[in-house]
PDB file of all heavy atoms in Angstrom:
ATOM      1  N   ALA A   1       0.816  -1.216   0.000  1.00  0.00           N
ATOM      2  CA  ALA A   1       0.000   0.000   0.000  1.00  0.00           C
ATOM      3  C   ALA A   1       0.849   1.267   0.000  1.00  0.00           C
ATOM      4  O   ALA A   1       0.458   2.289  -0.576  1.00  0.00           O
ATOM      5  CB  ALA A   1      -0.932   0.000   1.202  1.00  0.00           C
ATOM      6  N   LEU A   2       2.019   1.221   0.655  1.00  0.00           N
ATOM      7  CA  LEU A   2       2.864   2.416   0.761  1.00  0.00           C
ATOM      8  C   LEU A   2       4.165   2.289  -0.038  1.00  0.00           C
ATOM      9  O   LEU A   2       5.012   3.187   0.026  1.00  0.00           O
ATOM     10  CB  LEU A   2       3.182   2.697   2.240  1.00  0.00           C
ATOM     11  CG  LEU A   2       1.986   2.945   3.171  1.00  0.00           C
ATOM     12  CD1 LEU A   2       2.464   3.274   4.568  1.00  0.00           C
ATOM     13  CD2 LEU A   2       1.097   4.058   2.641  1.00  0.00           C
ATOM     14  N   ASP A   3       4.327   1.161  -0.742  1.00  0.00           N
ATOM     15  CA  ASP A   3       5.491   0.949  -1.598  1.00  0.00           C
ATOM     16  C   ASP A   3       6.808   1.149  -0.819  1.00  0.00           C
ATOM     17  O   ASP A   3       7.699   1.895  -1.234  1.00  0.00           O
ATOM     18  CB  ASP A   3       5.441   1.892  -2.805  1.00  0.00           C
ATOM     19  CG  ASP A   3       6.439   1.483  -3.891  1.00  0.00           C
ATOM     20  OD1 ASP A   3       6.807   0.292  -3.925  1.00  0.00           O
ATOM     21  OD2 ASP A   3       6.867   2.357  -4.675  1.00  0.00           O
ATOM     22  N   ALA A   4       6.901   0.460   0.337  1.00  0.00           N
ATOM     23  CA  ALA A   4       8.075   0.626   1.202  1.00  0.00           C
ATOM     24  C   ALA A   4       8.637  -0.741   1.585  1.00  0.00           C
ATOM     25  O   ALA A   4       8.695  -1.105   2.764  1.00  0.00           O
ATOM     26  CB  ALA A   4       7.702   1.419   2.449  1.00  0.00           C
ATOM     27  N   SER A   5       9.069  -1.499   0.589  1.00  0.00           N
ATOM     28  CA  SER A   5       9.565  -2.866   0.810  1.00  0.00           C
ATOM     29  C   SER A   5      10.748  -2.897   1.774  1.00  0.00           C
ATOM     30  O   SER A   5      10.852  -3.784   2.620  1.00  0.00           O
ATOM     31  CB  SER A   5       9.977  -3.500  -0.518  1.00  0.00           C
ATOM     32  OG  SER A   5       8.897  -3.523  -1.406  1.00  0.00           O
ATOM     33  N   ALA A   6      11.636  -1.916   1.640  1.00  0.00           N
ATOM     34  CA  ALA A   6      12.860  -1.919   2.456  1.00  0.00           C
ATOM     35  C   ALA A   6      12.576  -1.750   3.943  1.00  0.00           C
ATOM     36  O   ALA A   6      13.332  -2.224   4.789  1.00  0.00           O
ATOM     37  CB  ALA A   6      13.793  -0.814   1.976  1.00  0.00           C
ATOM     38  N   MET A   7      11.465  -1.075   4.270  1.00  0.00           N
ATOM     39  CA  MET A   7      11.146  -0.795   5.678  1.00  0.00           C
ATOM     40  C   MET A   7      10.061  -1.709   6.231  1.00  0.00           C
ATOM     41  O   MET A   7       9.751  -1.649   7.421  1.00  0.00           O
ATOM     42  CB  MET A   7      10.696   0.665   5.817  1.00  0.00           C
ATOM     43  CG  MET A   7      11.726   1.674   5.347  1.00  0.00           C
ATOM     44  SD  MET A   7      11.111   3.368   5.469  1.00  0.00           S
ATOM     45  CE  MET A   7      11.035   3.569   7.239  1.00  0.00           C
ATOM     46  N   ALA A   8       9.486  -2.546   5.378  1.00  0.00           N
ATOM     47  CA  ALA A   8       8.316  -3.335   5.777  1.00  0.00           C
ATOM     48  C   ALA A   8       8.586  -4.220   6.997  1.00  0.00           C
ATOM     49  O   ALA A   8       7.751  -4.330   7.901  1.00  0.00           O
ATOM     50  CB  ALA A   8       7.839  -4.184   4.605  1.00  0.00           C
ATOM     51  N   GLY A   9       9.779  -4.846   7.023  1.00  0.00           N
ATOM     52  CA  GLY A   9      10.099  -5.755   8.121  1.00  0.00           C
ATOM     53  C   GLY A   9      10.191  -5.078   9.477  1.00  0.00           C
ATOM     54  O   GLY A   9      10.017  -5.718  10.519  1.00  0.00           O
ATOM     55  N   LEU A  10      10.450  -3.769   9.489  1.00  0.00           N
ATOM     56  CA  LEU A  10      10.567  -3.029  10.755  1.00  0.00           C
ATOM     57  C   LEU A  10       9.224  -2.871  11.463  1.00  0.00           C
ATOM     58  O   LEU A  10       9.184  -2.677  12.673  1.00  0.00           O
ATOM     59  CB  LEU A  10      11.154  -1.635  10.500  1.00  0.00           C
ATOM     60  CG  LEU A  10      12.612  -1.570  10.038  1.00  0.00           C
ATOM     61  CD1 LEU A  10      12.971  -0.140   9.674  1.00  0.00           C
ATOM     62  CD2 LEU A  10      13.540  -2.099  11.119  1.00  0.00           C
ATOM     63  N   THR A  11       8.153  -2.960  10.702  1.00  0.00           N
ATOM     64  CA  THR A  11       6.823  -2.688  11.261  1.00  0.00           C
ATOM     65  C   THR A  11       6.510  -3.581  12.439  1.00  0.00           C
ATOM     66  O   THR A  11       6.089  -3.109  13.499  1.00  0.00           O
ATOM     67  CB  THR A  11       5.738  -2.881  10.175  1.00  0.00           C
ATOM     68  OG1 THR A  11       6.152  -2.250   8.988  1.00  0.00           O
ATOM     69  CG2 THR A  11       4.417  -2.309  10.623  1.00  0.00           C
ATOM     70  N   ILE A  12       6.712  -4.881  12.265  1.00  0.00           N
ATOM     71  CA  ILE A  12       6.360  -5.834  13.318  1.00  0.00           C
ATOM     72  C   ILE A  12       7.292  -5.682  14.515  1.00  0.00           C
ATOM     73  O   ILE A  12       6.865  -5.791  15.676  1.00  0.00           O
ATOM     74  CB  ILE A  12       6.386  -7.281  12.775  1.00  0.00           C
ATOM     75  CG1 ILE A  12       5.452  -7.408  11.575  1.00  0.00           C
ATOM     76  CG2 ILE A  12       5.990  -8.263  13.863  1.00  0.00           C
ATOM     77  CD1 ILE A  12       4.053  -6.870  11.811  1.00  0.00           C
ATOM     78  N   THR A  13       8.571  -5.415  14.239  1.00  0.00           N
ATOM     79  CA  THR A  13       9.516  -5.198  15.338  1.00  0.00           C
ATOM     80  C   THR A  13       9.070  -4.017  16.200  1.00  0.00           C
ATOM     81  O   THR A  13       9.081  -4.100  17.438  1.00  0.00           O
ATOM     82  CB  THR A  13      10.930  -4.933  14.788  1.00  0.00           C
ATOM     83  OG1 THR A  13      11.335  -6.051  14.002  1.00  0.00           O
ATOM     84  CG2 THR A  13      11.927  -4.721  15.914  1.00  0.00           C
ATOM     85  N   PHE A  14       8.669  -2.929  15.559  1.00  0.00           N
ATOM     86  CA  PHE A  14       8.218  -1.752  16.302  1.00  0.00           C
ATOM     87  C   PHE A  14       6.892  -2.021  17.016  1.00  0.00           C
ATOM     88  O   PHE A  14       6.681  -1.539  18.133  1.00  0.00           O
ATOM     89  CB  PHE A  14       8.097  -0.543  15.367  1.00  0.00           C
ATOM     90  CG  PHE A  14       9.380   0.215  15.208  1.00  0.00           C
ATOM     91  CD1 PHE A  14      10.362  -0.231  14.334  1.00  0.00           C
ATOM     92  CD2 PHE A  14       9.636   1.359  15.948  1.00  0.00           C
ATOM     93  CE1 PHE A  14      11.565   0.451  14.190  1.00  0.00           C
ATOM     94  CE2 PHE A  14      10.833   2.051  15.821  1.00  0.00           C
ATOM     95  CZ  PHE A  14      11.797   1.595  14.936  1.00  0.00           C
ATOM     96  N   TYR A  15       6.013  -2.789  16.401  1.00  0.00           N
ATOM     97  CA  TYR A  15       4.733  -3.123  17.036  1.00  0.00           C
ATOM     98  C   TYR A  15       4.973  -3.949  18.300  1.00  0.00           C
ATOM     99  O   TYR A  15       4.427  -3.653  19.372  1.00  0.00           O
ATOM    100  CB  TYR A  15       3.843  -3.890  16.057  1.00  0.00           C
ATOM    101  CG  TYR A  15       2.575  -4.428  16.683  1.00  0.00           C
ATOM    102  CD1 TYR A  15       1.542  -3.569  17.050  1.00  0.00           C
ATOM    103  CD2 TYR A  15       2.423  -5.788  16.923  1.00  0.00           C
ATOM    104  CE1 TYR A  15       0.382  -4.067  17.644  1.00  0.00           C
ATOM    105  CE2 TYR A  15       1.270  -6.291  17.500  1.00  0.00           C
ATOM    106  CZ  TYR A  15       0.251  -5.427  17.858  1.00  0.00           C
ATOM    107  OH  TYR A  15      -0.886  -5.920  18.448  1.00  0.00           O
ATOM    108  N   TRP A  16       5.791  -4.990  18.204  1.00  0.00           N
ATOM    109  CA  TRP A  16       6.077  -5.844  19.366  1.00  0.00           C
ATOM    110  C   TRP A  16       6.857  -5.084  20.439  1.00  0.00           C
ATOM    111  O   TRP A  16       6.631  -5.294  21.633  1.00  0.00           O
ATOM    112  CB  TRP A  16       6.861  -7.084  18.931  1.00  0.00           C
ATOM    113  CG  TRP A  16       6.031  -8.107  18.215  1.00  0.00           C
ATOM    114  CD1 TRP A  16       4.666  -8.182  18.174  1.00  0.00           C
ATOM    115  CD2 TRP A  16       6.512  -9.211  17.445  1.00  0.00           C
ATOM    116  NE1 TRP A  16       4.266  -9.251  17.419  1.00  0.00           N
ATOM    117  CE2 TRP A  16       5.382  -9.913  16.955  1.00  0.00           C
ATOM    118  CE3 TRP A  16       7.781  -9.667  17.108  1.00  0.00           C
ATOM    119  CZ2 TRP A  16       5.493 -11.048  16.152  1.00  0.00           C
ATOM    120  CZ3 TRP A  16       7.892 -10.806  16.317  1.00  0.00           C
ATOM    121  CH2 TRP A  16       6.759 -11.484  15.846  1.00  0.00           C
ATOM    122  N   THR A  17       7.775  -4.216  20.009  1.00  0.00           N
ATOM    123  CA  THR A  17       8.523  -3.406  20.980  1.00  0.00           C
ATOM    124  C   THR A  17       7.573  -2.492  21.748  1.00  0.00           C
ATOM    125  O   THR A  17       7.666  -2.366  22.977  1.00  0.00           O
ATOM    126  CB  THR A  17       9.600  -2.561  20.268  1.00  0.00           C
ATOM    127  OG1 THR A  17      10.484  -3.437  19.564  1.00  0.00           O
ATOM    128  CG2 THR A  17      10.402  -1.742  21.273  1.00  0.00           C
ATOM    129  N   GLY A  18       6.656  -1.859  21.022  1.00  0.00           N
ATOM    130  CA  GLY A  18       5.656  -1.006  21.669  1.00  0.00           C
ATOM    131  C   GLY A  18       4.786  -1.787  22.633  1.00  0.00           C
ATOM    132  O   GLY A  18       4.498  -1.326  23.747  1.00  0.00           O
ATOM    133  N   SER A  19       4.377  -2.985  22.229  1.00  0.00           N
ATOM    134  CA  SER A  19       3.531  -3.833  23.075  1.00  0.00           C
ATOM    135  C   SER A  19       4.242  -4.212  24.373  1.00  0.00           C
ATOM    136  O   SER A  19       3.670  -4.099  25.472  1.00  0.00           O
ATOM    137  CB  SER A  19       3.136  -5.096  22.298  1.00  0.00           C
ATOM    138  OG  SER A  19       2.321  -5.930  23.072  1.00  0.00           O
ATOM    139  N   ALA A  20       5.510  -4.654  24.263  1.00  0.00           N
ATOM    140  CA  ALA A  20       6.284  -5.022  25.459  1.00  0.00           C
ATOM    141  C   ALA A  20       6.497  -3.806  26.354  1.00  0.00           C
ATOM    142  O   ALA A  20       6.359  -3.886  27.588  1.00  0.00           O
ATOM    143  CB  ALA A  20       7.631  -5.625  25.051  1.00  0.00           C
ATOM    144  N   ALA A  21       6.812  -2.656  25.740  1.00  0.00           N
ATOM    145  CA  ALA A  21       7.041  -1.425  26.516  1.00  0.00           C
ATOM    146  C   ALA A  21       5.774  -0.993  27.249  1.00  0.00           C
ATOM    147  O   ALA A  21       5.819  -0.607  28.422  1.00  0.00           O
ATOM    148  CB  ALA A  21       7.527  -0.310  25.592  1.00  0.00           C
ATOM    149  N   GLY A  22       4.632  -1.070  26.572  1.00  0.00           N
ATOM    150  CA  GLY A  22       3.364  -0.685  27.194  1.00  0.00           C
ATOM    151  C   GLY A  22       3.043  -1.530  28.413  1.00  0.00           C
ATOM    152  O   GLY A  22       2.558  -1.024  29.432  1.00  0.00           O
ATOM    153  N   ARG A  23       3.336  -2.813  28.328  1.00  0.00           N
ATOM    154  CA  ARG A  23       3.080  -3.719  29.453  1.00  0.00           C
ATOM    155  C   ARG A  23       4.007  -3.425  30.635  1.00  0.00           C
ATOM    156  O   ARG A  23       3.588  -3.510  31.793  1.00  0.00           O
ATOM    157  CB  ARG A  23       3.245  -5.169  28.987  1.00  0.00           C
ATOM    158  CG  ARG A  23       2.144  -5.605  28.039  1.00  0.00           C
ATOM    159  CD  ARG A  23       2.429  -6.934  27.373  1.00  0.00           C
ATOM    160  NE  ARG A  23       1.313  -7.333  26.522  1.00  0.00           N
ATOM    161  CZ  ARG A  23       1.287  -8.439  25.788  1.00  0.00           C
ATOM    162  NH1 ARG A  23       2.335  -9.259  25.801  1.00  0.00           N
ATOM    163  NH2 ARG A  23       0.235  -8.727  25.042  1.00  0.00           N
ATOM    164  N   LEU A  24       5.255  -3.093  30.339  1.00  0.00           N
ATOM    165  CA  LEU A  24       6.210  -2.819  31.408  1.00  0.00           C
ATOM    166  C   LEU A  24       5.995  -1.438  32.031  1.00  0.00           C
ATOM    167  O   LEU A  24       6.285  -1.229  33.215  1.00  0.00           O
ATOM    168  CB  LEU A  24       7.640  -2.929  30.868  1.00  0.00           C
ATOM    169  CG  LEU A  24       8.060  -4.341  30.423  1.00  0.00           C
ATOM    170  CD1 LEU A  24       9.404  -4.312  29.728  1.00  0.00           C
ATOM    171  CD2 LEU A  24       8.091  -5.314  31.603  1.00  0.00           C
ATOM    172  N   ILE A  25       5.455  -0.497  31.257  1.00  0.00           N
ATOM    173  CA  ILE A  25       5.176   0.851  31.761  1.00  0.00           C
ATOM    174  C   ILE A  25       3.924   0.866  32.640  1.00  0.00           C
ATOM    175  O   ILE A  25       3.844   1.631  33.600  1.00  0.00           O
ATOM    176  CB  ILE A  25       5.021   1.845  30.586  1.00  0.00           C
ATOM    177  CG1 ILE A  25       6.375   2.103  29.917  1.00  0.00           C
ATOM    178  CG2 ILE A  25       4.415   3.167  31.043  1.00  0.00           C
ATOM    179  CD1 ILE A  25       6.267   2.848  28.595  1.00  0.00           C
ATOM    180  N   TYR A  26       2.953  -0.013  32.328  1.00  0.00           N
ATOM    181  CA  TYR A  26       1.656   0.005  33.022  1.00  0.00           C
ATOM    182  C   TYR A  26       1.772   0.014  34.552  1.00  0.00           C
ATOM    183  O   TYR A  26       1.133   0.843  35.215  1.00  0.00           O
ATOM    184  CB  TYR A  26       0.804  -1.184  32.565  1.00  0.00           C
ATOM    185  CG  TYR A  26      -0.477  -1.346  33.359  1.00  0.00           C
ATOM    186  CD1 TYR A  26      -1.621  -0.638  33.007  1.00  0.00           C
ATOM    187  CD2 TYR A  26      -0.531  -2.183  34.468  1.00  0.00           C
ATOM    188  CE1 TYR A  26      -2.784  -0.767  33.744  1.00  0.00           C
ATOM    189  CE2 TYR A  26      -1.691  -2.310  35.211  1.00  0.00           C
ATOM    190  CZ  TYR A  26      -2.814  -1.603  34.849  1.00  0.00           C
ATOM    191  OH  TYR A  26      -3.955  -1.727  35.600  1.00  0.00           O
ATOM    192  N   PRO A  27       2.566  -0.892  35.165  1.00  0.00           N
ATOM    193  CA  PRO A  27       2.622  -0.900  36.641  1.00  0.00           C
ATOM    194  C   PRO A  27       3.127   0.411  37.239  1.00  0.00           C
ATOM    195  O   PRO A  27       2.752   0.775  38.356  1.00  0.00           O
ATOM    196  CB  PRO A  27       3.594  -2.039  36.953  1.00  0.00           C
ATOM    197  CG  PRO A  27       3.634  -2.877  35.733  1.00  0.00           C
ATOM    198  CD  PRO A  27       3.422  -1.939  34.592  1.00  0.00           C
ATOM    199  N   VAL A  28       3.969   1.115  36.496  1.00  0.00           N
ATOM    200  CA  VAL A  28       4.575   2.346  37.012  1.00  0.00           C
ATOM    201  C   VAL A  28       3.617   3.535  36.908  1.00  0.00           C
ATOM    202  O   VAL A  28       3.492   4.331  37.843  1.00  0.00           O
ATOM    203  CB  VAL A  28       5.883   2.668  36.240  1.00  0.00           C
ATOM    204  CG1 VAL A  28       6.523   3.945  36.772  1.00  0.00           C
ATOM    205  CG2 VAL A  28       6.853   1.502  36.327  1.00  0.00           C
ATOM    206  N   LEU A  29       2.895   3.627  35.790  1.00  0.00           N
ATOM    207  CA  LEU A  29       2.111   4.837  35.514  1.00  0.00           C
ATOM    208  C   LEU A  29       0.592   4.664  35.613  1.00  0.00           C
ATOM    209  O   LEU A  29      -0.111   5.614  35.959  1.00  0.00           O
ATOM    210  CB  LEU A  29       2.455   5.369  34.108  1.00  0.00           C
ATOM    211  CG  LEU A  29       3.908   5.796  33.867  1.00  0.00           C
ATOM    212  CD1 LEU A  29       4.073   6.262  32.421  1.00  0.00           C
ATOM    213  CD2 LEU A  29       4.309   6.904  34.828  1.00  0.00           C
ATOM    214  N   PHE A  30       0.071   3.482  35.309  1.00  0.00           N
ATOM    215  CA  PHE A  30      -1.368   3.374  35.098  1.00  0.00           C
ATOM    216  C   PHE A  30      -2.099   2.385  36.004  1.00  0.00           C
ATOM    217  O   PHE A  30      -3.318   2.265  35.927  1.00  0.00           O
ATOM    218  CB  PHE A  30      -1.642   2.995  33.633  1.00  0.00           C
ATOM    219  CG  PHE A  30      -1.034   3.949  32.652  1.00  0.00           C
ATOM    220  CD1 PHE A  30       0.010   3.543  31.830  1.00  0.00           C
ATOM    221  CD2 PHE A  30      -1.474   5.257  32.557  1.00  0.00           C
ATOM    222  CE1 PHE A  30       0.590   4.418  30.923  1.00  0.00           C
ATOM    223  CE2 PHE A  30      -0.909   6.144  31.659  1.00  0.00           C
ATOM    224  CZ  PHE A  30       0.127   5.724  30.840  1.00  0.00           C
ATOM    225  N   ALA A  31      -1.376   1.662  36.861  1.00  0.00           N
ATOM    226  CA  ALA A  31      -2.015   0.649  37.718  1.00  0.00           C
ATOM    227  C   ALA A  31      -3.035   1.258  38.683  1.00  0.00           C
ATOM    228  O   ALA A  31      -3.944   0.570  39.144  1.00  0.00           O
ATOM    229  CB  ALA A  31      -0.957  -0.123  38.497  1.00  0.00           C
ATOM    230  N   LYS A  32      -2.900   2.557  38.990  1.00  0.00           N
ATOM    231  CA  LYS A  32      -3.794   3.200  39.957  1.00  0.00           C
ATOM    232  C   LYS A  32      -5.184   3.446  39.396  1.00  0.00           C
ATOM    233  O   LYS A  32      -6.134   3.715  40.148  1.00  0.00           O
ATOM    234  CB  LYS A  32      -3.183   4.521  40.432  1.00  0.00           C
ATOM    235  CG  LYS A  32      -2.913   5.513  39.306  1.00  0.00           C
ATOM    236  CD  LYS A  32      -2.134   6.723  39.806  1.00  0.00           C
ATOM    237  CE  LYS A  32      -1.756   7.658  38.658  1.00  0.00           C
ATOM    238  NZ  LYS A  32      -0.926   8.790  39.109  1.00  0.00           N
ATOM    239  N   TYR A  33      -5.355   3.355  38.067  1.00  0.00           N
ATOM    240  CA  TYR A  33      -6.652   3.639  37.455  1.00  0.00           C
ATOM    241  C   TYR A  33      -7.535   2.395  37.411  1.00  0.00           C
ATOM    242  O   TYR A  33      -7.047   1.261  37.406  1.00  0.00           O
ATOM    243  CB  TYR A  33      -6.465   4.192  36.036  1.00  0.00           C
ATOM    244  CG  TYR A  33      -5.692   5.489  35.994  1.00  0.00           C
ATOM    245  CD1 TYR A  33      -4.410   5.538  35.460  1.00  0.00           C
ATOM    246  CD2 TYR A  33      -6.229   6.665  36.515  1.00  0.00           C
ATOM    247  CE1 TYR A  33      -3.686   6.723  35.434  1.00  0.00           C
ATOM    248  CE2 TYR A  33      -5.514   7.854  36.496  1.00  0.00           C
ATOM    249  CZ  TYR A  33      -4.238   7.875  35.955  1.00  0.00           C
ATOM    250  OH  TYR A  33      -3.530   9.047  35.942  1.00  0.00           O
ATOM    251  N   ASP A  34      -8.848   2.604  37.364  1.00  0.00           N
ATOM    252  CA  ASP A  34      -9.799   1.497  37.237  1.00  0.00           C
ATOM    253  C   ASP A  34      -9.503   0.713  35.953  1.00  0.00           C
ATOM    254  O   ASP A  34      -9.390   1.303  34.872  1.00  0.00           O
ATOM    255  CB  ASP A  34     -11.229   2.044  37.198  1.00  0.00           C
ATOM    256  CG  ASP A  34     -12.259   0.944  37.018  1.00  0.00           C
ATOM    257  OD1 ASP A  34     -12.620   0.303  38.017  1.00  0.00           O
ATOM    258  OD2 ASP A  34     -12.683   0.721  35.859  1.00  0.00           O
ATOM    259  N   THR A  35      -9.388  -0.609  36.073  1.00  0.00           N
ATOM    260  CA  THR A  35      -8.934  -1.433  34.952  1.00  0.00           C
ATOM    261  C   THR A  35      -9.852  -1.327  33.741  1.00  0.00           C
ATOM    262  O   THR A  35      -9.390  -1.112  32.609  1.00  0.00           O
ATOM    263  CB  THR A  35      -8.828  -2.915  35.381  1.00  0.00           C
ATOM    264  OG1 THR A  35      -7.967  -3.007  36.521  1.00  0.00           O
ATOM    265  CG2 THR A  35      -8.268  -3.766  34.257  1.00  0.00           C
ATOM    266  N   LYS A  36     -11.158  -1.490  33.958  1.00  0.00           N
ATOM    267  CA  LYS A  36     -12.091  -1.480  32.827  1.00  0.00           C
ATOM    268  C   LYS A  36     -12.119  -0.118  32.143  1.00  0.00           C
ATOM    269  O   LYS A  36     -12.094  -0.031  30.903  1.00  0.00           O
ATOM    270  CB  LYS A  36     -13.502  -1.869  33.291  1.00  0.00           C
ATOM    271  CG  LYS A  36     -13.626  -3.287  33.807  1.00  0.00           C
ATOM    272  CD  LYS A  36     -15.085  -3.633  34.041  1.00  0.00           C
ATOM    273  CE  LYS A  36     -15.224  -4.940  34.812  1.00  0.00           C
ATOM    274  NZ  LYS A  36     -14.896  -4.789  36.235  1.00  0.00           N
ATOM    275  N   LYS A  37     -12.170   0.953  32.944  1.00  0.00           N
ATOM    276  CA  LYS A  37     -12.191   2.299  32.356  1.00  0.00           C
ATOM    277  C   LYS A  37     -10.915   2.589  31.587  1.00  0.00           C
ATOM    278  O   LYS A  37     -10.936   3.190  30.512  1.00  0.00           O
ATOM    279  CB  LYS A  37     -12.400   3.344  33.456  1.00  0.00           C
ATOM    280  CG  LYS A  37     -13.801   3.330  34.066  1.00  0.00           C
ATOM    281  CD  LYS A  37     -13.936   4.366  35.168  1.00  0.00           C
ATOM    282  CE  LYS A  37     -15.332   4.324  35.792  1.00  0.00           C
ATOM    283  NZ  LYS A  37     -15.451   5.280  36.925  1.00  0.00           N
ATOM    284  N   TYR A  38      -9.790   2.136  32.147  1.00  0.00           N
ATOM    285  CA  TYR A  38      -8.508   2.346  31.480  1.00  0.00           C
ATOM    286  C   TYR A  38      -8.483   1.616  30.135  1.00  0.00           C
ATOM    287  O   TYR A  38      -8.061   2.176  29.115  1.00  0.00           O
ATOM    288  CB  TYR A  38      -7.366   1.851  32.375  1.00  0.00           C
ATOM    289  CG  TYR A  38      -6.004   1.930  31.724  1.00  0.00           C
ATOM    290  CD1 TYR A  38      -5.385   3.160  31.512  1.00  0.00           C
ATOM    291  CD2 TYR A  38      -5.344   0.777  31.300  1.00  0.00           C
ATOM    292  CE1 TYR A  38      -4.139   3.243  30.909  1.00  0.00           C
ATOM    293  CE2 TYR A  38      -4.098   0.853  30.692  1.00  0.00           C
ATOM    294  CZ  TYR A  38      -3.509   2.091  30.505  1.00  0.00           C
ATOM    295  OH  TYR A  38      -2.282   2.171  29.890  1.00  0.00           O
ATOM    296  N   LEU A  39      -8.954   0.368  30.121  1.00  0.00           N
ATOM    297  CA  LEU A  39      -8.963  -0.399  28.883  1.00  0.00           C
ATOM    298  C   LEU A  39      -9.901   0.210  27.840  1.00  0.00           C
ATOM    299  O   LEU A  39      -9.593   0.214  26.642  1.00  0.00           O
ATOM    300  CB  LEU A  39      -9.367  -1.850  29.165  1.00  0.00           C
ATOM    301  CG  LEU A  39      -8.255  -2.784  29.638  1.00  0.00           C
ATOM    302  CD1 LEU A  39      -8.814  -4.154  29.987  1.00  0.00           C
ATOM    303  CD2 LEU A  39      -7.163  -2.927  28.589  1.00  0.00           C
TER     304      LEU A  39
END
């Protein structure tokens, strides 16, 4: 769709990195909020 073959493989790496980072950040910054409302 974006004609970016050279960068395509980076997408999943950045997605998984973001996912792991979000999980590790949650206890520090967001655990105090109501779980359902936060989600």
